[in-house]
C-alpha atoms as a PDB file:
ATOM      1  CA  UNK A   1      12.133 171.173  -0.283  1.00  0.00           C
ATOM      2  CA  UNK A   2      12.832 167.208  -0.161  1.00  0.00           C
ATOM      3  CA  UNK A   3      14.959 167.583  -2.909  1.00  0.00           C
ATOM      4  CA  UNK A   4      17.653 169.321  -0.981  1.00  0.00           C
ATOM      5  CA  UNK A   5      20.448 167.806  -0.001  1.00  0.00           C
ATOM      6  CA  UNK A   6      23.999 168.774   2.171  1.00  0.00           C
ATOM      7  CA  UNK A   7      26.580 169.765  -1.115  1.00  0.00           C
ATOM      8  CA  UNK A   8      29.647 168.151   1.471  1.00  0.00           C
ATOM      9  CA  UNK A   9      27.671 164.729   3.102  1.00  0.00           C
ATOM     10  CA  UNK A  10      24.923 164.335   0.891  1.00  0.00           C
ATOM     11  CA  UNK A  11      22.148 163.709   3.192  1.00  0.00           C
ATOM     12  CA  UNK A  12      18.462 164.779   2.648  1.00  0.00           C
ATOM     13  CA  UNK A  13      17.249 167.565   4.201  1.00  0.00           C
ATOM     14  CA  UNK A  14      14.636 165.183   6.321  1.00  0.00           C
ATOM     15  CA  UNK A  15      17.325 163.284   7.832  1.00  0.00           C
ATOM     16  CA  UNK A  16      20.311 165.146   7.884  1.00  0.00           C
ATOM     17  CA  UNK A  17      21.489 167.888  11.272  1.00  0.00           C
ATOM     18  CA  UNK A  18      19.369 170.782  11.190  1.00  0.00           C
ATOM     19  CA  UNK A  19      19.199 173.613  10.359  1.00  0.00           C
ATOM     20  CA  UNK A  20      20.505 173.248   6.700  1.00  0.00           C
ATOM     21  CA  UNK A  21      21.735 176.687   5.744  1.00  0.00           C
ATOM     22  CA  UNK A  22      22.285 178.297   2.517  1.00  0.00           C
ATOM     23  CA  UNK A  23      25.474 180.098   1.804  1.00  0.00           C
ATOM     24  CA  UNK A  24      26.318 182.922  -0.490  1.00  0.00           C
ATOM     25  CA  UNK A  25      27.478 181.323  -2.850  1.00  0.00           C
ATOM     26  CA  UNK A  26      24.137 179.120  -3.202  1.00  0.00           C
ATOM     27  CA  UNK A  27      25.274 175.804  -1.967  1.00  0.00           C
ATOM     28  CA  UNK A  28      23.165 174.184   0.940  1.00  0.00           C
ATOM     29  CA  UNK A  29      24.936 172.572   3.934  1.00  0.00           C
ATOM     30  CA  UNK A  30      23.265 170.510   7.162  1.00  0.00           C
ATOM     31  CA  UNK A  31      24.221 172.005  10.615  1.00  0.00           C
ATOM     32  CA  UNK A  32      27.109 169.324  10.613  1.00  0.00           C
ATOM     33  CA  UNK A  33      28.530 170.491   7.918  1.00  0.00           C
ATOM     34  CA  UNK A  34      28.545 174.420   8.084  1.00  0.00           C
ATOM     35  CA  UNK A  35      31.183 174.555  10.641  1.00  0.00           C
ATOM     36  CA  UNK A  36      33.529 173.271   7.794  1.00  0.00           C
ATOM     37  CA  UNK A  37      32.047 176.025   5.399  1.00  0.00           C
ATOM     38  CA  UNK A  38      32.921 178.936   7.350  1.00  0.00           C
ATOM     39  CA  UNK A  39      36.602 178.823   6.164  1.00  0.00           C
ATOM     40  CA  UNK A  40      35.980 177.289   2.959  1.00  0.00           C
ATOM     41  CA  UNK A  41      32.931 176.344   0.753  1.00  0.00           C
ATOM     42  CA  UNK A  42      33.794 172.971  -0.241  1.00  0.00           C
ATOM     43  CA  UNK A  43      31.750 172.968  -3.759  1.00  0.00           C
ATOM     44  CA  UNK A  44      32.897 175.797  -5.032  1.00  0.00           C
ATOM     45  CA  UNK A  45      36.095 177.102  -2.825  1.00  0.00           C
ATOM     46  CA  UNK A  46      34.528 180.423  -1.666  1.00  0.00           C
ATOM     47  CA  UNK A  47      36.449 181.626   1.328  1.00  0.00           C
ATOM     48  CA  UNK A  48      34.714 182.313   4.394  1.00  0.00           C
ATOM     49  CA  UNK A  49      31.086 182.636   2.745  1.00  0.00           C
ATOM     50  CA  UNK A  50      27.994 184.099   4.986  1.00  0.00           C
ATOM     51  CA  UNK A  51      25.223 181.473   5.338  1.00  0.00           C
ATOM     52  CA  UNK A  52      21.426 181.640   6.512  1.00  0.00           C
ATOM     53  CA  UNK A  53      19.338 178.892   7.459  1.00  0.00           C
ATOM     54  CA  UNK A  54      17.529 177.922   4.640  1.00  0.00           C
ATOM     55  CA  UNK A  55      13.883 177.831   6.108  1.00  0.00           C
ATOM     56  CA  UNK A  56      14.156 181.945   6.580  1.00  0.00           C
ATOM     57  CA  UNK A  57      14.277 182.174   2.746  1.00  0.00           C
ATOM     58  CA  UNK A  58      10.463 180.152   2.600  1.00  0.00           C
ATOM     59  CA  UNK A  59       8.323 182.834   3.556  1.00  0.00           C
ATOM     60  CA  UNK A  60       4.892 181.833   4.476  1.00  0.00           C
ATOM     61  CA  UNK A  61       3.745 184.645   2.278  1.00  0.00           C
ATOM     62  CA  UNK A  62       4.372 186.340  -1.028  1.00  0.00           C
ATOM     63  CA  UNK A  63       3.539 189.762  -1.030  1.00  0.00           C
ATOM     64  CA  UNK A  64       0.826 190.677  -4.104  1.00  0.00           C
ATOM     65  CA  UNK A  65       2.534 194.210  -4.378  1.00  0.00           C
ATOM     66  CA  UNK A  66       5.912 192.781  -5.562  1.00  0.00           C
ATOM     67  CA  UNK A  67       6.642 193.961  -9.262  1.00  0.00           C
ATOM     68  CA  UNK A  68       6.247 191.453 -11.414  1.00  0.00           C
ATOM     69  CA  UNK A  69       9.963 191.697 -13.005  1.00  0.00           C
ATOM     70  CA  UNK A  70      11.170 190.786  -9.225  1.00  0.00           C
ATOM     71  CA  UNK A  71       8.843 188.037  -8.804  1.00  0.00           C
ATOM     72  CA  UNK A  72      10.112 186.413 -12.101  1.00  0.00           C
ATOM     73  CA  UNK A  73      13.699 187.216 -10.929  1.00  0.00           C
ATOM     74  CA  UNK A  74      13.245 185.771  -7.643  1.00  0.00           C
ATOM     75  CA  UNK A  75      11.678 182.324  -9.062  1.00  0.00           C
ATOM     76  CA  UNK A  76      14.459 182.334 -12.502  1.00  0.00           C
ATOM     77  CA  UNK A  77      16.994 182.215  -9.053  1.00  0.00           C
ATOM     78  CA  UNK A  78      14.971 179.543  -7.155  1.00  0.00           C
ATOM     79  CA  UNK A  79      14.957 177.629 -10.583  1.00  0.00           C
ATOM     80  CA  UNK A  80      18.187 177.555 -10.926  1.00  0.00           C
ATOM     81  CA  UNK A  81      18.947 176.913  -7.560  1.00  0.00           C
ATOM     82  CA  UNK A  82      17.042 173.383  -8.196  1.00  0.00           C
ATOM     83  CA  UNK A  83      18.758 173.027 -10.938  1.00  0.00           C
ATOM     84  CA  UNK A  84      22.311 172.866  -9.575  1.00  0.00           C
ATOM     85  CA  UNK A  85      21.006 171.009  -7.070  1.00  0.00           C
ATOM     86  CA  UNK A  86      19.459 167.980  -8.668  1.00  0.00           C
ATOM     87  CA  UNK A  87      23.191 168.152 -10.910  1.00  0.00           C
ATOM     88  CA  UNK A  88      25.210 167.695  -7.674  1.00  0.00           C
ATOM     89  CA  UNK A  89      22.256 164.866  -6.658  1.00  0.00           C
ATOM     90  CA  UNK A  90      22.936 163.293  -9.835  1.00  0.00           C
ATOM     91  CA  UNK A  91      26.979 163.731  -9.888  1.00  0.00           C
ATOM     92  CA  UNK A  92      26.820 161.919  -6.591  1.00  0.00           C
ATOM     93  CA  UNK A  93      24.333 159.246  -8.034  1.00  0.00           C
ATOM     94  CA  UNK A  94      26.972 158.404 -10.512  1.00  0.00           C
ATOM     95  CA  UNK A  95      30.087 158.448  -8.435  1.00  0.00           C
ATOM     96  CA  UNK A  96      27.946 155.692  -6.442  1.00  0.00           C
ATOM     97  CA  UNK A  97      27.257 153.399  -9.081  1.00  0.00           C
ATOM     98  CA  UNK A  98      30.605 153.975 -10.297  1.00  0.00           C
ATOM     99  CA  UNK A  99      32.095 152.906  -7.281  1.00  0.00           C
ATOM    100  CA  UNK A 100      29.663 149.598  -7.367  1.00  0.00           C
ATOM    101  CA  UNK A 101      31.220 148.023 -10.533  1.00  0.00           C
END
């Protein structure tokens, strides 16, 4: 969970304005930036995306009775989200580094 950053202001989840929200288009924003996202997602330009607090997606338990293919699908989506977050973090890192030189 510490790897997540606001996809607009790039503040890590442990330092930003909580709650962090995830949009239906799969982007994460701090509470402050979520207000701007209500009109349009700044990452993908999705119009008026719905969103929920990120903490609501982190259940304390996982049912052992879920079909394996549904669990695999959920894990695949989580991995894709993490991969996308790392791409955004690396893109921001490169922007910062290139501005220094």
